[in-house]
Amino acid sequence: MNGELIKLYADSPNYREVMRVVDALRDGEVIIFPTGTGYAYGCDAMQQRSVEQICRLKNIDIKRKSLAVLFENMSDVSSYCKINNDTFKFIKKHHEGFFTYILPAASTLPKAFKNRKEVGARLAFHPVAKLIINELGTPLMTSSLPKDEENPEYASDPELIQERYGHQVNFIVDGGIAEYAPSTVLDCTAVPFKVLRMGSGVITDHEDLIVY
């Protein structure tokens, strides 16, 4: 396998190329794509084999670690996660995508997520990621590329990503240079929410639902 580099421009996307990516996802393939916080592995969250493949690529213990799911909108988040009014309002206020919300899992989650008590929910805000999810019609399971401290460009430059990781995936979706900027992770399974990792998502000092 040698992953093909596909350029997608959000302002004037080539829908034939978009559908090549979407069809690959529907066939259970894994891609690399821009998320807004850097490039990441992605697959159709409904496909258990694909989710397991990403976990193998990242050495993720699928039984222990919360898996991240990228949703198109709040309606989709509500369909797969349990959200009370306070949580819903908070996420809507911080919808720009720089956050990962650990939420109680609902019984409607895909088979790959069954028996999980929680899931890491993210809202798509990168235009290319939103385009892919919209055409796919289902959320994406996602996990960021490994960070190389000495050579960070291998997680941000699509051509270098193809060079290093192309053998692992079918497509690398080129949405331009995307600097690695890990999300802020919030445990929203109970109020007040807990900051598990401070990242690119900004939290103001007067957030009364947050503890540090």
Protein backbone atom coordinates (compact mmCIF):
# COMPACT_ATOMS: atom_id res chain seq x y z
CA MET A 1 0.00 0.00 0.00
CA ASN A 2 1.24 3.48 -0.85
CA GLY A 3 -1.26 6.11 0.19
CA GLU A 4 -2.23 8.51 -2.56
CA LEU A 5 -2.05 12.25 -1.88
CA ILE A 6 -5.35 13.93 -2.70
CA LYS A 7 -5.56 17.71 -2.62
CA LEU A 8 -8.90 19.09 -1.43
CA TYR A 9 -9.57 22.82 -1.42
CA ALA A 10 -12.39 23.80 0.92
CA ASP A 11 -13.41 26.84 -1.12
CA SER A 12 -13.68 24.92 -4.40
CA PRO A 13 -13.62 21.18 -3.68
CA ASN A 14 -13.37 18.60 -6.44
CA TYR A 15 -16.34 16.42 -5.53
CA ARG A 16 -15.04 13.50 -7.57
CA GLU A 17 -11.98 13.44 -5.32
CA VAL A 18 -14.12 13.94 -2.22
CA MET A 19 -16.21 10.91 -3.16
CA ARG A 20 -13.09 8.80 -3.73
CA VAL A 21 -12.15 9.48 -0.12
CA VAL A 22 -15.71 8.88 1.11
CA ASP A 23 -16.02 5.61 -0.83
CA ALA A 24 -12.73 4.41 0.67
CA LEU A 25 -14.04 5.17 4.16
CA ARG A 26 -17.26 3.30 3.41
CA ASP A 27 -15.15 0.35 2.27
CA GLY A 28 -13.46 0.30 5.67
CA GLU A 29 -10.22 2.01 4.69
CA VAL A 30 -8.16 4.34 6.89
CA ILE A 31 -7.13 7.82 5.75
CA ILE A 32 -5.00 10.68 7.05
CA PHE A 33 -6.73 14.06 6.97
CA PRO A 34 -6.60 17.59 8.48
CA THR A 35 -8.66 18.13 11.62
CA GLY A 36 -7.89 21.71 12.61
CA THR A 37 -5.53 20.59 15.38
CA GLY A 38 -3.17 18.87 12.97
CA TYR A 39 -3.29 15.80 10.75
CA ALA A 40 -4.83 12.59 12.05
CA TYR A 41 -5.77 9.07 11.15
CA GLY A 42 -9.46 8.76 10.38
CA CYS A 43 -12.00 6.06 9.60
CA ASP A 44 -15.74 5.52 9.52
CA ALA A 45 -16.66 5.17 13.20
CA MET A 46 -19.30 2.61 12.23
CA GLN A 47 -16.68 0.17 10.96
CA GLN A 48 -15.22 -1.88 13.78
CA ARG A 49 -12.37 -3.33 11.71
CA SER A 50 -11.23 0.17 10.72
CA VAL A 51 -11.37 1.44 14.31
CA GLU A 52 -9.27 -1.53 15.40
CA GLN A 53 -6.78 -0.81 12.61
CA ILE A 54 -6.20 2.75 13.83
CA CYS A 55 -5.77 1.44 17.37
CA ARG A 56 -3.09 -0.94 16.12
CA LEU A 57 -1.32 1.85 14.22
CA LYS A 58 -1.25 4.02 17.37
CA ASN A 59 -0.75 1.18 19.90
CA ILE A 60 -4.01 2.18 21.59
CA ASP A 61 -5.57 -0.25 24.07
CA ILE A 62 -9.07 -0.25 22.63
CA LYS A 63 -10.52 -1.66 25.87
CA ARG A 64 -9.05 0.98 28.18
CA LYS A 65 -8.52 4.28 26.42
CA SER A 66 -11.31 6.67 25.45
CA LEU A 67 -11.55 6.81 21.67
CA ALA A 68 -12.05 10.16 19.93
CA VAL A 69 -14.96 10.64 17.55
CA LEU A 70 -15.27 13.64 15.23
CA PHE A 71 -18.86 14.80 14.75
CA GLU A 72 -20.29 17.21 12.20
CA ASN A 73 -22.62 19.04 14.60
CA MET A 74 -24.18 19.08 18.06
CA SER A 75 -27.18 17.06 16.89
CA ASP A 76 -24.88 14.17 16.02
CA VAL A 77 -23.06 14.45 19.36
CA SER A 78 -26.41 14.24 21.15
CA SER A 79 -27.29 11.12 19.15
CA TYR A 80 -24.28 9.16 20.39
CA CYS A 81 -23.50 10.71 23.79
CA LYS A 82 -25.46 11.56 26.91
CA ILE A 83 -25.55 15.34 27.34
CA ASN A 84 -27.38 17.39 29.97
CA ASN A 85 -28.35 21.03 29.50
CA ASP A 86 -25.23 22.48 31.16
CA THR A 87 -22.94 20.36 29.01
CA PHE A 88 -24.87 21.14 25.83
CA LYS A 89 -24.66 24.90 26.44
CA PHE A 90 -20.95 24.72 27.28
CA ILE A 91 -20.07 22.78 24.14
CA LYS A 92 -22.12 25.12 21.96
CA LYS A 93 -20.21 28.05 23.46
CA HIS A 94 -16.86 26.34 22.74
CA HIS A 95 -17.78 24.83 19.39
CA GLU A 96 -14.71 25.94 17.45
CA GLY A 97 -13.17 22.46 17.62
CA PHE A 98 -10.12 22.96 19.82
CA PHE A 99 -11.66 20.79 22.54
CA THR A 100 -12.16 17.09 23.15
CA TYR A 101 -15.08 16.40 25.48
CA ILE A 102 -15.11 13.15 27.45
CA LEU A 103 -18.83 12.36 27.59
CA PRO A 104 -20.94 9.47 28.88
CA ALA A 105 -21.56 7.05 26.03
CA ALA A 106 -25.08 6.35 24.79
CA SER A 107 -26.30 2.91 23.74
CA THR A 108 -26.53 4.16 20.14
CA LEU A 109 -22.74 4.17 19.70
CA PRO A 110 -21.38 1.96 16.90
CA LYS A 111 -20.43 -1.65 17.57
CA ALA A 112 -16.75 -0.79 17.94
CA PHE A 113 -17.63 1.39 20.94
CA LYS A 114 -20.05 -0.98 22.67
CA ASN A 115 -19.63 -1.53 26.42
CA ARG A 116 -17.84 1.80 26.70
CA LYS A 117 -18.85 4.13 29.49
CA GLU A 118 -17.42 7.22 27.82
CA VAL A 119 -16.20 8.58 24.51
CA GLY A 120 -14.05 11.54 23.46
CA ALA A 121 -16.30 13.78 21.35
CA ARG A 122 -14.98 16.49 19.04
CA LEU A 123 -16.78 18.87 16.73
CA ALA A 124 -15.37 19.17 13.22
CA PHE A 125 -14.43 22.72 12.28
CA HIS A 126 -11.75 22.26 9.61
CA PRO A 127 -13.65 22.79 6.33
CA VAL A 128 -12.14 19.73 4.65
CA ALA A 129 -12.98 17.49 7.61
CA LYS A 130 -16.53 18.87 7.70
CA LEU A 131 -16.91 18.23 3.98
CA ILE A 132 -15.82 14.60 4.33
CA ILE A 133 -18.11 13.91 7.31
CA ASN A 134 -21.04 15.59 5.60
CA GLU A 135 -20.69 13.43 2.49
CA LEU A 136 -19.99 10.27 4.50
CA GLY A 137 -23.05 10.77 6.68
CA THR A 138 -21.46 9.24 9.78
CA PRO A 139 -18.91 10.45 12.35
CA LEU A 140 -15.21 9.66 12.04
CA MET A 141 -13.11 7.90 14.62
CA THR A 142 -9.86 9.87 14.74
CA SER A 143 -6.43 9.80 16.36
CA SER A 144 -3.70 12.36 15.76
CA LEU A 145 -0.45 11.41 14.05
CA PRO A 146 2.49 10.74 16.37
CA LYS A 147 4.39 13.90 17.22
CA ASP A 148 8.05 13.95 16.23
CA GLU A 149 9.73 16.51 18.47
CA GLU A 150 12.83 16.70 16.26
CA ASN A 151 10.96 16.73 12.95
CA PRO A 152 7.49 18.21 13.60
CA GLU A 153 6.94 18.77 9.88
CA TYR A 154 6.25 15.04 9.52
CA ALA A 155 2.92 15.64 11.24
CA SER A 156 2.05 18.90 9.48
CA ASP A 157 3.28 18.77 5.86
CA PRO A 158 1.11 16.47 3.68
CA GLU A 159 3.97 15.49 1.33
CA LEU A 160 6.22 14.53 4.24
CA ILE A 161 3.29 12.74 5.89
CA GLN A 162 2.90 10.70 2.71
CA GLU A 163 6.61 9.88 2.80
CA ARG A 164 6.49 8.59 6.38
CA TYR A 165 2.95 7.21 6.78
CA GLY A 166 1.77 6.57 3.22
CA HIS A 167 2.33 2.82 3.54
CA GLN A 168 -0.27 2.67 6.34
CA VAL A 169 -3.29 4.26 4.63
CA ASN A 170 -5.09 4.51 1.29
CA PHE A 171 -5.29 8.31 1.09
CA ILE A 172 -3.60 11.32 2.61
CA VAL A 173 -5.99 14.23 2.22
CA ASP A 174 -3.95 17.35 1.55
CA GLY A 175 -5.64 20.37 3.11
CA GLY A 176 -2.43 22.40 3.28
CA ILE A 177 0.13 22.80 6.05
CA ALA A 178 -1.54 22.18 9.42
CA GLU A 179 0.54 22.80 12.51
CA TYR A 180 0.21 20.32 15.36
CA ALA A 181 -1.96 21.91 18.06
CA PRO A 182 -3.41 19.30 20.44
CA SER A 183 -6.90 19.93 21.73
CA THR A 184 -7.80 20.80 25.30
CA VAL A 185 -9.34 17.70 26.88
CA LEU A 186 -12.22 18.13 29.32
CA ASP A 187 -13.85 15.40 31.40
CA CYS A 188 -17.54 16.28 31.12
CA THR A 189 -18.91 13.11 32.69
CA ALA A 190 -19.81 15.10 35.81
CA VAL A 191 -20.17 18.73 36.88
CA PRO A 192 -17.88 20.54 37.47
CA PHE A 193 -15.86 19.53 34.40
CA LYS A 194 -12.20 18.64 34.87
CA VAL A 195 -9.33 19.75 32.65
CA LEU A 196 -7.39 16.59 31.77
CA ARG A 197 -5.05 18.28 29.30
CA MET A 198 -4.58 21.95 28.53
CA GLY A 199 -4.12 22.43 24.80
CA SER A 200 -5.18 24.81 22.06
CA GLY A 201 -8.72 25.28 23.39
CA VAL A 202 -8.92 28.47 25.46
CA ILE A 203 -10.75 28.46 28.78
CA THR A 204 -11.41 31.76 30.53
CA ASP A 205 -10.80 32.14 34.26
CA HIS A 206 -14.48 32.75 35.00
CA GLU A 207 -15.76 29.44 33.62
CA ASP A 208 -17.84 28.29 36.59
CA LEU A 209 -18.26 24.74 35.26
CA ILE A 210 -14.51 24.04 35.23
CA VAL A 211 -12.09 22.79 37.86
CA TYR A 212 -8.37 22.45 37.25
